[in-house]
């Protein structure tokens, strides 16, 4: 392979799954998206990547492998 990217330093935004997933799905840090508990409630001012893609005309599909990505949480918004 002639090209690639190496990350010498990689940091997570929080030491738990629900906050980290909210960061991944929104592109925001915890102070912006507002998730603090295991049943995520994303700030009303923040959209998920799935919502942005759906609004741009993409068909979005999510297959949750865990309850944090179910329809009962805000992490599922846009799917």
PDB file of N, CA and C in Angstrom:
ATOM      1  N   UNK A   1       0.849  -1.177   0.000  1.00  0.00           N
ATOM      2  CA  UNK A   1       0.000   0.000   0.000  1.00  0.00           C
ATOM      3  C   UNK A   1       0.891   1.236   0.000  1.00  0.00           C
ATOM      4  N   UNK A   2       0.648   2.119  -0.949  1.00  0.00           N
ATOM      5  CA  UNK A   2       1.491   3.304  -1.090  1.00  0.00           C
ATOM      6  C   UNK A   2       1.082   4.463  -0.209  1.00  0.00           C
ATOM      7  N   UNK A   3      -0.184   4.504   0.180  1.00  0.00           N
ATOM      8  CA  UNK A   3      -0.670   5.625   0.970  1.00  0.00           C
ATOM      9  C   UNK A   3      -1.410   5.119   2.194  1.00  0.00           C
ATOM     10  N   UNK A   4      -1.458   5.949   3.200  1.00  0.00           N
ATOM     11  CA  UNK A   4      -2.190   5.587   4.406  1.00  0.00           C
ATOM     12  C   UNK A   4      -2.102   6.696   5.431  1.00  0.00           C
ATOM     13  N   UNK A   5      -2.771   6.505   6.515  1.00  0.00           N
ATOM     14  CA  UNK A   5      -2.789   7.474   7.596  1.00  0.00           C
ATOM     15  C   UNK A   5      -2.406   6.756   8.883  1.00  0.00           C
ATOM     16  N   UNK A   6      -1.507   7.346   9.628  1.00  0.00           N
ATOM     17  CA  UNK A   6      -1.115   6.789  10.922  1.00  0.00           C
ATOM     18  C   UNK A   6      -1.474   7.796  11.998  1.00  0.00           C
ATOM     19  N   UNK A   7      -2.228   7.355  12.987  1.00  0.00           N
ATOM     20  CA  UNK A   7      -2.559   8.203  14.124  1.00  0.00           C
ATOM     21  C   UNK A   7      -1.652   7.790  15.275  1.00  0.00           C
ATOM     22  N   UNK A   8      -0.726   8.635  15.627  1.00  0.00           N
ATOM     23  CA  UNK A   8       0.193   8.314  16.723  1.00  0.00           C
ATOM     24  C   UNK A   8      -0.454   8.566  18.081  1.00  0.00           C
ATOM     25  N   UNK A   9      -1.421   9.448  18.101  1.00  0.00           N
ATOM     26  CA  UNK A   9      -2.158   9.745  19.329  1.00  0.00           C
ATOM     27  C   UNK A   9      -3.644   9.714  19.011  1.00  0.00           C
ATOM     28  N   UNK A  10      -4.358   8.860  19.699  1.00  0.00           N
ATOM     29  CA  UNK A  10      -5.814   8.783  19.524  1.00  0.00           C
ATOM     30  C   UNK A  10      -6.439   8.913  20.909  1.00  0.00           C
ATOM     31  N   UNK A  11      -7.437   9.752  21.024  1.00  0.00           N
ATOM     32  CA  UNK A  11      -8.051  10.028  22.316  1.00  0.00           C
ATOM     33  C   UNK A  11      -9.559   9.804  22.245  1.00  0.00           C
ATOM     34  N   UNK A  12     -10.093   9.254  23.290  1.00  0.00           N
ATOM     35  CA  UNK A  12     -11.546   9.155  23.369  1.00  0.00           C
ATOM     36  C   UNK A  12     -12.045  10.341  24.202  1.00  0.00           C
ATOM     37  N   UNK A  13     -13.277  10.726  24.003  1.00  0.00           N
ATOM     38  CA  UNK A  13     -13.854  11.862  24.718  1.00  0.00           C
ATOM     39  C   UNK A  13     -14.297  11.500  26.124  1.00  0.00           C
ATOM     40  N   UNK A  14     -14.514  10.212  26.372  1.00  0.00           N
ATOM     41  CA  UNK A  14     -14.991   9.776  27.688  1.00  0.00           C
ATOM     42  C   UNK A  14     -14.648   8.298  27.876  1.00  0.00           C
ATOM     43  N   UNK A  15     -14.531   7.856  29.110  1.00  0.00           N
ATOM     44  CA  UNK A  15     -14.168   6.456  29.356  1.00  0.00           C
ATOM     45  C   UNK A  15     -15.363   5.508  29.401  1.00  0.00           C
ATOM     46  N   UNK A  16     -16.447   5.859  28.747  1.00  0.00           N
ATOM     47  CA  UNK A  16     -17.603   4.955  28.718  1.00  0.00           C
ATOM     48  C   UNK A  16     -18.240   4.976  27.332  1.00  0.00           C
ATOM     49  N   UNK A  17     -18.985   3.934  27.047  1.00  0.00           N
ATOM     50  CA  UNK A  17     -19.510   3.721  25.701  1.00  0.00           C
ATOM     51  C   UNK A  17     -20.540   4.757  25.292  1.00  0.00           C
ATOM     52  N   UNK A  18     -21.505   5.054  26.148  1.00  0.00           N
ATOM     53  CA  UNK A  18     -22.617   5.919  25.719  1.00  0.00           C
ATOM     54  C   UNK A  18     -22.157   7.321  25.365  1.00  0.00           C
ATOM     55  N   UNK A  19     -21.229   7.885  26.116  1.00  0.00           N
ATOM     56  CA  UNK A  19     -20.738   9.225  25.779  1.00  0.00           C
ATOM     57  C   UNK A  19     -19.870   9.163  24.529  1.00  0.00           C
ATOM     58  N   UNK A  20     -19.027   8.135  24.419  1.00  0.00           N
ATOM     59  CA  UNK A  20     -18.173   7.988  23.241  1.00  0.00           C
ATOM     60  C   UNK A  20     -18.998   7.814  21.973  1.00  0.00           C
ATOM     61  N   UNK A  21     -20.073   7.018  22.030  1.00  0.00           N
ATOM     62  CA  UNK A  21     -20.939   6.850  20.857  1.00  0.00           C
ATOM     63  C   UNK A  21     -21.616   8.156  20.473  1.00  0.00           C
ATOM     64  N   UNK A  22     -22.041   8.913  21.447  1.00  0.00           N
ATOM     65  CA  UNK A  22     -22.655  10.216  21.149  1.00  0.00           C
ATOM     66  C   UNK A  22     -21.645  11.123  20.452  1.00  0.00           C
ATOM     67  N   UNK A  23     -20.384  11.062  20.862  1.00  0.00           N
ATOM     68  CA  UNK A  23     -19.332  11.849  20.203  1.00  0.00           C
ATOM     69  C   UNK A  23     -19.145  11.395  18.757  1.00  0.00           C
ATOM     70  N   UNK A  24     -19.095  10.081  18.547  1.00  0.00           N
ATOM     71  CA  UNK A  24     -18.924   9.543  17.193  1.00  0.00           C
ATOM     72  C   UNK A  24     -20.102   9.882  16.290  1.00  0.00           C
ATOM     73  N   UNK A  25     -21.309   9.769  16.805  1.00  0.00           N
ATOM     74  CA  UNK A  25     -22.502   9.965  15.989  1.00  0.00           C
ATOM     75  C   UNK A  25     -22.840  11.426  15.738  1.00  0.00           C
ATOM     76  N   UNK A  26     -22.325  12.333  16.560  1.00  0.00           N
ATOM     77  CA  UNK A  26     -22.631  13.753  16.378  1.00  0.00           C
ATOM     78  C   UNK A  26     -21.432  14.575  15.921  1.00  0.00           C
ATOM     79  N   UNK A  27     -20.228  14.069  16.142  1.00  0.00           N
ATOM     80  CA  UNK A  27     -19.032  14.844  15.828  1.00  0.00           C
ATOM     81  C   UNK A  27     -18.780  15.939  16.854  1.00  0.00           C
ATOM     82  N   UNK A  28     -19.456  15.857  17.985  1.00  0.00           N
ATOM     83  CA  UNK A  28     -19.333  16.873  19.038  1.00  0.00           C
ATOM     84  C   UNK A  28     -18.720  16.277  20.300  1.00  0.00           C
ATOM     85  N   UNK A  29     -18.130  17.138  21.116  1.00  0.00           N
ATOM     86  CA  UNK A  29     -17.632  16.662  22.403  1.00  0.00           C
ATOM     87  C   UNK A  29     -18.778  16.636  23.417  1.00  0.00           C
ATOM     88  N   UNK A  30     -18.578  16.002  24.572  1.00  0.00           N
ATOM     89  CA  UNK A  30     -19.662  15.863  25.552  1.00  0.00           C
ATOM     90  C   UNK A  30     -20.257  17.193  26.017  1.00  0.00           C
ATOM     91  N   UNK A  31     -19.468  18.238  26.054  1.00  0.00           N
ATOM     92  CA  UNK A  31     -19.997  19.530  26.489  1.00  0.00           C
ATOM     93  C   UNK A  31     -21.017  20.073  25.492  1.00  0.00           C
ATOM     94  N   UNK A  32     -20.855  19.704  24.217  1.00  0.00           N
ATOM     95  CA  UNK A  32     -21.775  20.191  23.181  1.00  0.00           C
ATOM     96  C   UNK A  32     -23.002  19.291  23.032  1.00  0.00           C
ATOM     97  N   UNK A  33     -22.807  17.954  22.993  1.00  0.00           N
ATOM     98  CA  UNK A  33     -23.964  17.071  22.770  1.00  0.00           C
ATOM     99  C   UNK A  33     -24.754  16.784  24.044  1.00  0.00           C
ATOM    100  N   UNK A  34     -24.162  16.972  25.218  1.00  0.00           N
ATOM    101  CA  UNK A  34     -24.904  16.910  26.470  1.00  0.00           C
ATOM    102  C   UNK A  34     -25.159  15.534  27.062  1.00  0.00           C
ATOM    103  N   UNK A  35     -24.644  14.452  26.448  1.00  0.00           N
ATOM    104  CA  UNK A  35     -24.879  13.111  26.979  1.00  0.00           C
ATOM    105  C   UNK A  35     -24.054  12.891  28.243  1.00  0.00           C
ATOM    106  N   UNK A  36     -24.726  12.443  29.301  1.00  0.00           N
ATOM    107  CA  UNK A  36     -24.040  12.205  30.577  1.00  0.00           C
ATOM    108  C   UNK A  36     -24.452  10.890  31.243  1.00  0.00           C
ATOM    109  N   UNK A  37     -25.491  10.220  30.724  1.00  0.00           N
ATOM    110  CA  UNK A  37     -26.023   9.026  31.386  1.00  0.00           C
ATOM    111  C   UNK A  37     -26.094   7.867  30.398  1.00  0.00           C
ATOM    112  N   UNK A  38     -26.287   6.645  30.899  1.00  0.00           N
ATOM    113  CA  UNK A  38     -26.381   5.492  30.001  1.00  0.00           C
ATOM    114  C   UNK A  38     -27.589   5.499  29.068  1.00  0.00           C
ATOM    115  N   UNK A  39     -28.592   6.274  29.335  1.00  0.00           N
ATOM    116  CA  UNK A  39     -29.708   6.428  28.395  1.00  0.00           C
ATOM    117  C   UNK A  39     -29.578   7.800  27.756  1.00  0.00           C
ATOM    118  N   UNK A  40     -28.828   7.858  26.657  1.00  0.00           N
ATOM    119  CA  UNK A  40     -28.431   9.130  26.070  1.00  0.00           C
ATOM    120  C   UNK A  40     -29.588  10.053  25.696  1.00  0.00           C
ATOM    121  N   UNK A  41     -29.445  11.299  26.037  1.00  0.00           N
ATOM    122  CA  UNK A  41     -30.359  12.360  25.633  1.00  0.00           C
ATOM    123  C   UNK A  41     -29.495  13.452  25.022  1.00  0.00           C
ATOM    124  N   UNK A  42     -29.428  13.446  23.696  1.00  0.00           N
ATOM    125  CA  UNK A  42     -28.608  14.424  22.997  1.00  0.00           C
ATOM    126  C   UNK A  42     -29.309  15.770  23.026  1.00  0.00           C
ATOM    127  N   UNK A  43     -28.525  16.820  23.171  1.00  0.00           N
ATOM    128  CA  UNK A  43     -29.060  18.175  23.180  1.00  0.00           C
ATOM    129  C   UNK A  43     -29.931  18.407  21.949  1.00  0.00           C
ATOM    130  N   UNK A  44     -31.024  19.120  22.124  1.00  0.00           N
ATOM    131  CA  UNK A  44     -31.934  19.422  21.014  1.00  0.00           C
ATOM    132  C   UNK A  44     -31.264  20.255  19.925  1.00  0.00           C
ATOM    133  N   UNK A  45     -30.147  20.917  20.247  1.00  0.00           N
ATOM    134  CA  UNK A  45     -29.437  21.755  19.288  1.00  0.00           C
ATOM    135  C   UNK A  45     -28.439  20.981  18.437  1.00  0.00           C
ATOM    136  N   UNK A  46     -28.297  19.671  18.688  1.00  0.00           N
ATOM    137  CA  UNK A  46     -27.291  18.860  18.002  1.00  0.00           C
ATOM    138  C   UNK A  46     -27.983  17.775  17.176  1.00  0.00           C
ATOM    139  N   UNK A  47     -27.554  17.622  15.932  1.00  0.00           N
ATOM    140  CA  UNK A  47     -28.092  16.569  15.072  1.00  0.00           C
ATOM    141  C   UNK A  47     -27.071  15.437  14.953  1.00  0.00           C
ATOM    142  N   UNK A  48     -27.570  14.229  14.751  1.00  0.00           N
ATOM    143  CA  UNK A  48     -26.671  13.104  14.526  1.00  0.00           C
ATOM    144  C   UNK A  48     -26.259  13.073  13.055  1.00  0.00           C
ATOM    145  N   UNK A  49     -25.166  12.353  12.772  1.00  0.00           N
ATOM    146  CA  UNK A  49     -24.734  12.215  11.380  1.00  0.00           C
ATOM    147  C   UNK A  49     -25.814  11.554  10.541  1.00  0.00           C
ATOM    148  N   UNK A  50     -26.534  10.601  11.123  1.00  0.00           N
ATOM    149  CA  UNK A  50     -27.608   9.928  10.390  1.00  0.00           C
ATOM    150  C   UNK A  50     -28.687  10.932   9.973  1.00  0.00           C
ATOM    151  N   UNK A  51     -29.006  11.879  10.848  1.00  0.00           N
ATOM    152  CA  UNK A  51     -30.001  12.904  10.505  1.00  0.00           C
ATOM    153  C   UNK A  51     -29.501  13.779   9.359  1.00  0.00           C
ATOM    154  N   UNK A  52     -28.231  14.153   9.407  1.00  0.00           N
ATOM    155  CA  UNK A  52     -27.654  15.001   8.363  1.00  0.00           C
ATOM    156  C   UNK A  52     -27.663  14.274   7.022  1.00  0.00           C
ATOM    157  N   UNK A  53     -27.250  12.998   7.026  1.00  0.00           N
ATOM    158  CA  UNK A  53     -27.249  12.226   5.786  1.00  0.00           C
ATOM    159  C   UNK A  53     -28.662  12.025   5.249  1.00  0.00           C
ATOM    160  N   UNK A  54     -29.608  11.731   6.127  1.00  0.00           N
ATOM    161  CA  UNK A  54     -30.997  11.530   5.697  1.00  0.00           C
ATOM    162  C   UNK A  54     -31.552  12.805   5.063  1.00  0.00           C
ATOM    163  N   UNK A  55     -31.270  13.955   5.682  1.00  0.00           N
ATOM    164  CA  UNK A  55     -31.748  15.231   5.142  1.00  0.00           C
ATOM    165  C   UNK A  55     -31.111  15.552   3.786  1.00  0.00           C
ATOM    166  N   UNK A  56     -29.932  14.970   3.528  1.00  0.00           N
ATOM    167  CA  UNK A  56     -29.249  15.187   2.249  1.00  0.00           C
ATOM    168  C   UNK A  56     -29.707  14.195   1.183  1.00  0.00           C
ATOM    169  N   UNK A  57     -30.688  13.339   1.532  1.00  0.00           N
ATOM    170  CA  UNK A  57     -31.258  12.445   0.551  1.00  0.00           C
ATOM    171  C   UNK A  57     -30.758  11.014   0.587  1.00  0.00           C
ATOM    172  N   UNK A  58     -29.893  10.686   1.543  1.00  0.00           N
ATOM    173  CA  UNK A  58     -29.398   9.318   1.653  1.00  0.00           C
ATOM    174  C   UNK A  58     -30.406   8.440   2.385  1.00  0.00           C
ATOM    175  N   UNK A  59     -30.418   7.176   2.050  1.00  0.00           N
ATOM    176  CA  UNK A  59     -31.213   6.200   2.780  1.00  0.00           C
ATOM    177  C   UNK A  59     -30.340   5.673   3.908  1.00  0.00           C
ATOM    178  N   UNK A  60     -30.806   5.810   5.134  1.00  0.00           N
ATOM    179  CA  UNK A  60     -30.015   5.451   6.306  1.00  0.00           C
ATOM    180  C   UNK A  60     -30.592   4.204   6.955  1.00  0.00           C
ATOM    181  N   UNK A  61     -29.726   3.284   7.305  1.00  0.00           N
ATOM    182  CA  UNK A  61     -30.136   2.061   7.977  1.00  0.00           C
ATOM    183  C   UNK A  61     -29.220   1.825   9.161  1.00  0.00           C
ATOM    184  N   UNK A  62     -29.785   1.513  10.297  1.00  0.00           N
ATOM    185  CA  UNK A  62     -28.999   1.188  11.478  1.00  0.00           C
ATOM    186  C   UNK A  62     -29.436  -0.144  12.047  1.00  0.00           C
ATOM    187  N   UNK A  63     -28.497  -0.991  12.334  1.00  0.00           N
ATOM    188  CA  UNK A  63     -28.785  -2.293  12.917  1.00  0.00           C
ATOM    189  C   UNK A  63     -28.128  -2.342  14.290  1.00  0.00           C
ATOM    190  N   UNK A  64     -28.864  -1.963  15.323  1.00  0.00           N
ATOM    191  CA  UNK A  64     -28.256  -1.879  16.648  1.00  0.00           C
ATOM    192  C   UNK A  64     -27.858  -3.246  17.186  1.00  0.00           C
ATOM    193  N   UNK A  65     -26.643  -3.317  17.686  1.00  0.00           N
ATOM    194  CA  UNK A  65     -26.140  -4.546  18.292  1.00  0.00           C
ATOM    195  C   UNK A  65     -26.177  -4.450  19.812  1.00  0.00           C
ATOM    196  N   UNK A  66     -26.648  -3.339  20.294  1.00  0.00           N
ATOM    197  CA  UNK A  66     -26.740  -3.140  21.735  1.00  0.00           C
ATOM    198  C   UNK A  66     -27.857  -2.159  22.048  1.00  0.00           C
ATOM    199  N   UNK A  67     -28.338  -2.181  23.266  1.00  0.00           N
ATOM    200  CA  UNK A  67     -29.494  -1.356  23.634  1.00  0.00           C
ATOM    201  C   UNK A  67     -29.221   0.136  23.545  1.00  0.00           C
ATOM    202  N   UNK A  68     -27.961   0.566  23.635  1.00  0.00           N
ATOM    203  CA  UNK A  68     -27.668   1.994  23.537  1.00  0.00           C
ATOM    204  C   UNK A  68     -27.980   2.547  22.152  1.00  0.00           C
ATOM    205  N   UNK A  69     -28.085   1.682  21.170  1.00  0.00           N
ATOM    206  CA  UNK A  69     -28.387   2.130  19.817  1.00  0.00           C
ATOM    207  C   UNK A  69     -29.818   1.798  19.407  1.00  0.00           C
ATOM    208  N   UNK A  70     -30.654   1.546  20.367  1.00  0.00           N
ATOM    209  CA  UNK A  70     -32.037   1.214  20.075  1.00  0.00           C
ATOM    210  C   UNK A  70     -32.864   2.483  19.892  1.00  0.00           C
ATOM    211  N   UNK A  71     -34.105   2.310  19.484  1.00  0.00           N
ATOM    212  CA  UNK A  71     -34.995   3.453  19.259  1.00  0.00           C
ATOM    213  C   UNK A  71     -35.329   4.208  20.538  1.00  0.00           C
ATOM    214  N   UNK A  72     -35.040   3.623  21.688  1.00  0.00           N
ATOM    215  CA  UNK A  72     -35.341   4.284  22.962  1.00  0.00           C
ATOM    216  C   UNK A  72     -34.330   5.367  23.319  1.00  0.00           C
ATOM    217  N   UNK A  73     -33.225   5.454  22.588  1.00  0.00           N
ATOM    218  CA  UNK A  73     -32.209   6.465  22.900  1.00  0.00           C
ATOM    219  C   UNK A  73     -32.109   7.466  21.761  1.00  0.00           C
ATOM    220  N   UNK A  74     -31.538   8.629  22.047  1.00  0.00           N
ATOM    221  CA  UNK A  74     -31.339   9.651  21.019  1.00  0.00           C
ATOM    222  C   UNK A  74     -30.224   9.292  20.035  1.00  0.00           C
ATOM    223  N   UNK A  75     -29.382   8.300  20.367  1.00  0.00           N
ATOM    224  CA  UNK A  75     -28.323   7.904  19.453  1.00  0.00           C
ATOM    225  C   UNK A  75     -28.889   7.319  18.170  1.00  0.00           C
ATOM    226  N   UNK A  76     -30.115   6.875  18.197  1.00  0.00           N
ATOM    227  CA  UNK A  76     -30.756   6.263  17.040  1.00  0.00           C
ATOM    228  C   UNK A  76     -31.408   7.309  16.125  1.00  0.00           C
ATOM    229  N   UNK A  77     -31.390   8.566  16.514  1.00  0.00           N
ATOM    230  CA  UNK A  77     -32.041   9.626  15.731  1.00  0.00           C
ATOM    231  C   UNK A  77     -31.493   9.660  14.303  1.00  0.00           C
ATOM    232  N   UNK A  78     -32.379   9.654  13.358  1.00  0.00           N
ATOM    233  CA  UNK A  78     -32.003   9.751  11.967  1.00  0.00           C
ATOM    234  C   UNK A  78     -31.999   8.425  11.225  1.00  0.00           C
ATOM    235  N   UNK A  79     -32.023   7.330  11.980  1.00  0.00           N
ATOM    236  CA  UNK A  79     -32.054   6.011  11.341  1.00  0.00           C
ATOM    237  C   UNK A  79     -33.483   5.608  11.064  1.00  0.00           C
TER     238      UNK A  79
END
